[in-house]
Amino acid sequence: MRGGRVHTILDNLIAQKKARPMIVAIPDGRGVTPFDRKGKTVDRTKNFDEFEASMLRDVVPFVEKNYRASQRREDRAVAGFSVGTALACRIGLRHLDRFAWVGLLSGGTRLADGFEATAEAAAWPSR
C-alpha cells in the first residue's frame, strides 16, 4: 500500500473519470510463516494453494459481507504485481466463473509451475 500508493492512484483516476469507483482488497500473497523459512526451502506451491483457497473462502466473502460489492463476475477482477502476478493468473484463470478480468502487472508466472491456461479459459467469451 505505501510503496505502490494504490489508493492515491485510484483516487486520481476516479477523479479524472478514467476509472470507476471500486473496492480493492490487498491481501499478503506471501503466506509463509517465519518458522517455515528457517533453514528450509519454502514450497511456494503450497502457499499458492493456501492463498487461492483463502481468497475464495475468506477474502471475497468478507468483502461481499462488509461492503456494497457486486457479486457479478463481470464486475470483479483479480490483479497482481510481482509474485502477485502468478497468484492473479492462477486464481483468475481457474475461477472464470467468479472473475471476468485478470490483471498481470510486471511479473512472471514461473512460481505458478504446473499451471496452464485451460481450453475453457481460452474459450471464455470476452467482454
Protein backbone atom coordinates (compact mmCIF):
# COMPACT_ATOMS: atom_id res chain seq x y z
CA MET A 1 0.00 0.00 0.00
CA ARG A 2 2.66 2.53 0.99
CA GLY A 3 5.12 1.78 -1.79
CA GLY A 4 2.56 1.34 -4.54
CA ARG A 5 0.24 4.15 -3.42
CA VAL A 6 -2.72 2.25 -4.86
CA HIS A 7 -5.24 4.42 -3.03
CA THR A 8 -3.72 7.65 -4.38
CA ILE A 9 -3.50 6.37 -7.94
CA LEU A 10 -7.09 5.08 -7.93
CA ASP A 11 -8.44 8.25 -6.30
CA ASN A 12 -6.81 10.29 -9.06
CA LEU A 13 -8.07 8.01 -11.84
CA ILE A 14 -11.60 8.08 -10.42
CA ALA A 15 -11.50 11.90 -10.12
CA GLN A 16 -10.38 12.10 -13.77
CA LYS A 17 -13.21 9.70 -14.74
CA LYS A 18 -10.64 7.22 -16.10
CA ALA A 19 -11.75 4.54 -13.62
CA ARG A 20 -15.00 3.64 -11.89
CA PRO A 21 -15.21 3.63 -8.09
CA MET A 22 -14.17 0.23 -6.80
CA ILE A 23 -13.34 -1.79 -3.74
CA VAL A 24 -9.75 -3.00 -3.61
CA ALA A 25 -8.64 -5.75 -1.24
CA ILE A 26 -4.90 -6.31 -0.95
CA PRO A 27 -4.11 -9.48 1.00
CA ASP A 28 -0.50 -10.55 1.55
CA GLY A 29 0.31 -13.21 -1.04
CA ARG A 30 3.50 -14.33 0.69
CA GLY A 31 1.83 -16.51 3.29
CA VAL A 32 4.99 -18.13 4.64
CA THR A 33 5.41 -18.10 8.41
CA PRO A 34 8.90 -17.31 9.79
CA PHE A 35 9.06 -20.84 11.22
CA ASP A 36 8.70 -22.31 7.73
CA ARG A 37 11.56 -20.18 6.41
CA LYS A 38 14.23 -21.07 8.96
CA GLY A 39 16.70 -23.47 7.44
CA LYS A 40 14.23 -24.83 4.90
CA THR A 41 13.46 -24.40 1.25
CA VAL A 42 9.97 -22.97 1.12
CA ASP A 43 7.50 -24.84 -1.10
CA ARG A 44 5.69 -21.87 -2.62
CA THR A 45 3.20 -24.07 -4.46
CA LYS A 46 1.74 -24.99 -1.06
CA ASN A 47 1.48 -21.30 -0.23
CA PHE A 48 -0.16 -20.64 -3.58
CA ASP A 49 -2.75 -23.34 -2.85
CA GLU A 50 -3.44 -21.84 0.57
CA PHE A 51 -3.64 -18.29 -0.78
CA GLU A 52 -6.04 -19.30 -3.55
CA ALA A 53 -8.30 -21.09 -1.05
CA SER A 54 -8.18 -18.13 1.34
CA MET A 55 -9.10 -15.66 -1.41
CA LEU A 56 -12.21 -17.65 -2.29
CA ARG A 57 -13.12 -18.76 1.22
CA ASP A 58 -12.19 -15.65 3.25
CA VAL A 59 -11.40 -12.50 1.27
CA VAL A 60 -14.19 -12.45 -1.32
CA PRO A 61 -16.93 -13.38 1.20
CA PHE A 62 -15.57 -10.79 3.69
CA VAL A 63 -15.77 -8.03 1.07
CA GLU A 64 -19.27 -9.12 -0.01
CA LYS A 65 -20.49 -9.21 3.60
CA ASN A 66 -19.00 -5.90 4.74
CA TYR A 67 -19.25 -3.70 1.64
CA ARG A 68 -21.80 -2.99 -1.06
CA ALA A 69 -19.96 -5.10 -3.60
CA SER A 70 -21.36 -6.60 -6.75
CA GLN A 71 -21.38 -10.37 -6.88
CA ARG A 72 -21.43 -10.46 -10.68
CA ARG A 73 -18.29 -11.85 -12.30
CA GLU A 74 -18.41 -9.03 -14.86
CA ASP A 75 -17.79 -6.58 -12.01
CA ARG A 76 -14.86 -8.47 -10.50
CA ALA A 77 -11.17 -8.53 -11.25
CA VAL A 78 -8.10 -10.07 -9.74
CA ALA A 79 -4.72 -8.49 -10.35
CA GLY A 80 -1.22 -8.85 -9.07
CA PHE A 81 2.22 -7.30 -9.13
CA SER A 82 5.46 -9.27 -8.97
CA VAL A 83 4.71 -12.57 -7.17
CA GLY A 84 1.08 -11.46 -7.20
CA THR A 85 1.15 -11.80 -10.98
CA ALA A 86 1.45 -15.57 -10.68
CA LEU A 87 -1.25 -15.61 -7.99
CA ALA A 88 -3.63 -13.48 -10.07
CA CYS A 89 -3.02 -15.62 -13.16
CA ARG A 90 -3.67 -18.80 -11.21
CA ILE A 91 -6.78 -17.56 -9.39
CA GLY A 92 -8.29 -15.60 -12.26
CA LEU A 93 -7.95 -18.26 -14.94
CA ARG A 94 -9.01 -21.10 -12.63
CA HIS A 95 -12.11 -19.23 -11.49
CA LEU A 96 -13.52 -17.55 -14.57
CA ASP A 97 -16.97 -18.11 -13.11
CA ARG A 98 -16.05 -15.52 -10.43
CA PHE A 99 -13.64 -13.10 -12.15
CA ALA A 100 -14.08 -11.53 -15.59
CA TRP A 101 -10.83 -9.57 -15.51
CA VAL A 102 -7.27 -10.68 -14.77
CA GLY A 103 -4.52 -8.07 -14.47
CA LEU A 104 -0.92 -9.26 -14.67
CA LEU A 105 1.37 -6.39 -13.70
CA SER A 106 5.15 -6.55 -14.02
CA GLY A 107 5.80 -10.11 -13.07
CA GLY A 108 6.17 -13.61 -14.25
CA THR A 109 4.36 -16.84 -13.76
CA ARG A 110 7.36 -19.10 -13.10
CA LEU A 111 6.23 -19.53 -9.48
CA ALA A 112 2.98 -20.99 -10.75
CA ASP A 113 4.73 -24.10 -12.08
CA GLY A 114 2.37 -26.67 -13.49
CA PHE A 115 -0.38 -24.15 -14.16
CA GLU A 116 -1.59 -23.88 -17.71
CA ALA A 117 -4.50 -21.93 -19.08
CA THR A 118 -7.20 -24.41 -19.89
CA ALA A 119 -9.14 -24.65 -23.12
CA GLU A 120 -12.13 -23.44 -21.12
CA ALA A 121 -10.23 -20.31 -20.10
CA ALA A 122 -9.07 -19.63 -23.65
CA ALA A 123 -12.62 -20.09 -24.97
CA TRP A 124 -14.32 -17.95 -22.30
CA PRO A 125 -16.26 -15.18 -24.02
CA SER A 126 -14.52 -11.84 -23.81
CA ARG A 127 -16.40 -8.70 -22.93
